[in-house]
Amino acid sequence: MSQYVAELTHKCNGTLDLVMTFADCKLADVVVDPPGIIADHSLVVSRLPAEVGPASSVLQQVRAWR
């Protein structure tokens, strides 16, 4: 496991908010806003790389109702 937040995330000087992934998953960037702006915790924003495959399609045949 890898932990990406290395800053204080609470206004009472503690790291309470974490972003953790498996070791083979690398985050693009992690931004930690200072605590106390919105709440007593920091806003932590990160980008998680994800692979999206092609959408699956389903062929349906329906009867035309009159």
N, C-alpha and C. Protein backbone atom coordinates (compact mmCIF):
# COMPACT_ATOMS: atom_id res chain seq x y z
N MET A 1 0.84 -1.18 0.00
CA MET A 1 0.00 0.00 0.00
C MET A 1 0.89 1.25 0.00
N SER A 2 0.42 2.27 -0.69
CA SER A 2 1.11 3.55 -0.73
C SER A 2 0.17 4.63 -0.21
N GLN A 3 0.71 5.54 0.60
CA GLN A 3 -0.04 6.64 1.18
C GLN A 3 0.49 7.93 0.58
N TYR A 4 -0.36 8.80 0.08
CA TYR A 4 0.06 9.96 -0.71
C TYR A 4 -0.05 11.30 0.02
N VAL A 5 -0.71 11.37 1.14
CA VAL A 5 -0.86 12.64 1.85
C VAL A 5 0.26 12.75 2.87
N ALA A 6 1.11 13.76 2.71
CA ALA A 6 2.25 13.94 3.61
C ALA A 6 2.15 15.25 4.38
N GLU A 7 0.96 15.85 4.38
CA GLU A 7 0.78 17.14 5.04
C GLU A 7 -0.24 17.00 6.17
N LEU A 8 -0.31 18.01 7.01
CA LEU A 8 -1.33 18.04 8.06
C LEU A 8 -2.68 18.31 7.43
N THR A 9 -3.70 17.57 7.84
CA THR A 9 -5.02 17.70 7.23
C THR A 9 -6.10 18.08 8.24
N HIS A 10 -5.72 18.43 9.46
CA HIS A 10 -6.69 18.86 10.46
C HIS A 10 -6.18 20.12 11.12
N LYS A 11 -7.10 20.99 11.50
CA LYS A 11 -6.67 22.29 12.04
C LYS A 11 -6.00 22.16 13.41
N CYS A 12 -6.11 21.02 14.07
CA CYS A 12 -5.41 20.77 15.33
C CYS A 12 -4.10 20.02 15.10
N ASN A 13 -3.56 20.16 13.90
CA ASN A 13 -2.24 19.62 13.53
C ASN A 13 -2.15 18.10 13.57
N GLY A 14 -2.96 17.46 12.80
CA GLY A 14 -2.89 16.01 12.65
C GLY A 14 -3.15 15.63 11.21
N THR A 15 -2.64 14.48 10.81
CA THR A 15 -2.92 13.96 9.48
C THR A 15 -4.03 12.92 9.63
N LEU A 16 -5.26 13.35 9.40
CA LEU A 16 -6.41 12.47 9.58
C LEU A 16 -7.00 11.99 8.27
N ASP A 17 -6.75 12.69 7.18
CA ASP A 17 -7.33 12.37 5.89
C ASP A 17 -6.24 11.77 5.00
N LEU A 18 -6.48 10.57 4.51
CA LEU A 18 -5.47 9.85 3.75
C LEU A 18 -5.98 9.50 2.36
N VAL A 19 -5.04 9.34 1.44
CA VAL A 19 -5.32 8.79 0.12
C VAL A 19 -4.37 7.62 -0.03
N MET A 20 -4.93 6.40 -0.06
CA MET A 20 -4.11 5.20 -0.13
C MET A 20 -4.50 4.37 -1.34
N THR A 21 -3.51 3.78 -1.99
CA THR A 21 -3.74 2.89 -3.12
C THR A 21 -2.83 1.69 -2.98
N PHE A 22 -3.07 0.68 -3.81
CA PHE A 22 -2.12 -0.42 -3.89
C PHE A 22 -0.84 0.10 -4.53
N ALA A 23 0.26 -0.57 -4.30
CA ALA A 23 1.57 -0.09 -4.76
C ALA A 23 1.65 0.03 -6.28
N ASP A 24 0.90 -0.79 -7.03
CA ASP A 24 0.98 -0.73 -8.49
C ASP A 24 0.10 0.35 -9.10
N CYS A 25 -0.67 1.06 -8.32
CA CYS A 25 -1.53 2.14 -8.81
C CYS A 25 -0.91 3.48 -8.42
N LYS A 26 -0.49 4.25 -9.40
CA LYS A 26 0.17 5.53 -9.16
C LYS A 26 -0.79 6.68 -9.43
N LEU A 27 -0.92 7.59 -8.49
CA LEU A 27 -1.77 8.76 -8.66
C LEU A 27 -1.05 9.83 -9.45
N ALA A 28 -1.81 10.59 -10.25
CA ALA A 28 -1.22 11.65 -11.07
C ALA A 28 -0.76 12.81 -10.18
N ASP A 29 -1.61 13.30 -9.32
CA ASP A 29 -1.23 14.37 -8.40
C ASP A 29 -2.22 14.40 -7.24
N VAL A 30 -1.74 14.86 -6.10
CA VAL A 30 -2.56 15.00 -4.90
C VAL A 30 -2.44 16.44 -4.42
N VAL A 31 -3.57 17.11 -4.24
CA VAL A 31 -3.59 18.50 -3.76
C VAL A 31 -4.31 18.52 -2.42
N VAL A 32 -3.66 19.11 -1.41
CA VAL A 32 -4.24 19.21 -0.07
C VAL A 32 -4.40 20.69 0.24
N ASP A 33 -5.66 21.15 0.34
CA ASP A 33 -5.92 22.52 0.74
C ASP A 33 -5.69 22.67 2.23
N PRO A 34 -5.38 23.86 2.71
CA PRO A 34 -5.17 24.06 4.14
C PRO A 34 -6.45 23.76 4.93
N PRO A 35 -6.33 23.19 6.13
CA PRO A 35 -7.51 22.91 6.94
C PRO A 35 -8.14 24.21 7.44
N GLY A 36 -9.43 24.16 7.69
CA GLY A 36 -10.13 25.30 8.25
C GLY A 36 -10.82 26.18 7.24
N ILE A 37 -10.69 25.92 5.95
CA ILE A 37 -11.35 26.75 4.94
C ILE A 37 -12.83 26.39 4.84
N ILE A 38 -13.13 25.11 4.66
CA ILE A 38 -14.52 24.65 4.57
C ILE A 38 -14.95 24.02 5.88
N ALA A 39 -14.10 23.20 6.45
CA ALA A 39 -14.39 22.52 7.71
C ALA A 39 -13.08 22.43 8.49
N ASP A 40 -13.07 21.67 9.57
CA ASP A 40 -11.84 21.52 10.33
C ASP A 40 -10.86 20.55 9.69
N HIS A 41 -11.29 19.90 8.60
CA HIS A 41 -10.42 19.01 7.83
C HIS A 41 -10.04 19.69 6.52
N SER A 42 -8.97 19.19 5.90
CA SER A 42 -8.56 19.68 4.59
C SER A 42 -9.40 19.06 3.49
N LEU A 43 -9.46 19.75 2.36
CA LEU A 43 -10.02 19.17 1.16
C LEU A 43 -8.86 18.51 0.42
N VAL A 44 -8.97 17.21 0.19
CA VAL A 44 -7.92 16.45 -0.49
C VAL A 44 -8.47 16.03 -1.85
N VAL A 45 -7.77 16.43 -2.93
CA VAL A 45 -8.19 16.13 -4.29
C VAL A 45 -7.05 15.40 -4.99
N SER A 46 -7.40 14.32 -5.70
CA SER A 46 -6.37 13.58 -6.44
C SER A 46 -6.94 13.06 -7.74
N ARG A 47 -6.05 12.68 -8.64
CA ARG A 47 -6.44 12.08 -9.92
C ARG A 47 -6.04 10.62 -9.88
N LEU A 48 -7.01 9.78 -10.16
CA LEU A 48 -6.77 8.35 -10.17
C LEU A 48 -6.84 7.85 -11.60
N PRO A 49 -5.74 7.30 -12.12
CA PRO A 49 -5.78 6.81 -13.50
C PRO A 49 -6.72 5.61 -13.60
N ALA A 50 -7.54 5.62 -14.63
CA ALA A 50 -8.48 4.52 -14.83
C ALA A 50 -8.56 4.21 -16.32
N GLU A 51 -8.63 2.95 -16.61
CA GLU A 51 -8.80 2.52 -18.00
C GLU A 51 -10.26 2.18 -18.22
N VAL A 52 -10.82 2.79 -19.23
CA VAL A 52 -12.22 2.55 -19.57
C VAL A 52 -12.27 1.78 -20.87
N GLY A 53 -12.91 0.63 -20.82
CA GLY A 53 -13.02 -0.21 -22.00
C GLY A 53 -14.17 0.24 -22.88
N PRO A 54 -14.30 -0.38 -24.02
CA PRO A 54 -15.40 -0.01 -24.92
C PRO A 54 -16.75 -0.38 -24.30
N ALA A 55 -17.75 0.40 -24.62
CA ALA A 55 -19.09 0.14 -24.10
C ALA A 55 -19.66 -1.11 -24.76
N SER A 56 -20.37 -1.89 -23.99
CA SER A 56 -20.99 -3.08 -24.56
C SER A 56 -22.35 -2.69 -25.13
N SER A 57 -22.74 -3.37 -26.18
CA SER A 57 -24.04 -3.08 -26.78
C SER A 57 -24.89 -4.34 -26.77
N VAL A 58 -26.18 -4.13 -26.68
CA VAL A 58 -27.13 -5.23 -26.64
C VAL A 58 -28.13 -5.02 -27.77
N LEU A 59 -28.31 -6.02 -28.58
CA LEU A 59 -29.26 -5.95 -29.67
C LEU A 59 -30.60 -6.48 -29.17
N GLN A 60 -31.63 -5.65 -29.27
CA GLN A 60 -32.96 -6.04 -28.83
C GLN A 60 -33.94 -5.89 -29.98
N GLN A 61 -34.89 -6.79 -30.02
CA GLN A 61 -35.95 -6.69 -31.01
C GLN A 61 -37.25 -6.57 -30.24
N VAL A 62 -37.98 -5.48 -30.49
CA VAL A 62 -39.24 -5.25 -29.78
C VAL A 62 -40.37 -5.14 -30.78
N ARG A 63 -41.55 -5.43 -30.31
CA ARG A 63 -42.73 -5.36 -31.15
C ARG A 63 -43.28 -3.95 -31.14
N ALA A 64 -43.69 -3.43 -32.30
CA ALA A 64 -44.26 -2.09 -32.39
C ALA A 64 -45.71 -2.16 -31.89
N TRP A 65 -46.00 -1.45 -30.84
CA TRP A 65 -47.35 -1.42 -30.26
C TRP A 65 -48.20 -0.36 -30.98
N ARG A 66 -49.46 -0.67 -31.18
CA ARG A 66 -50.37 0.29 -31.82
C ARG A 66 -51.52 0.56 -30.92
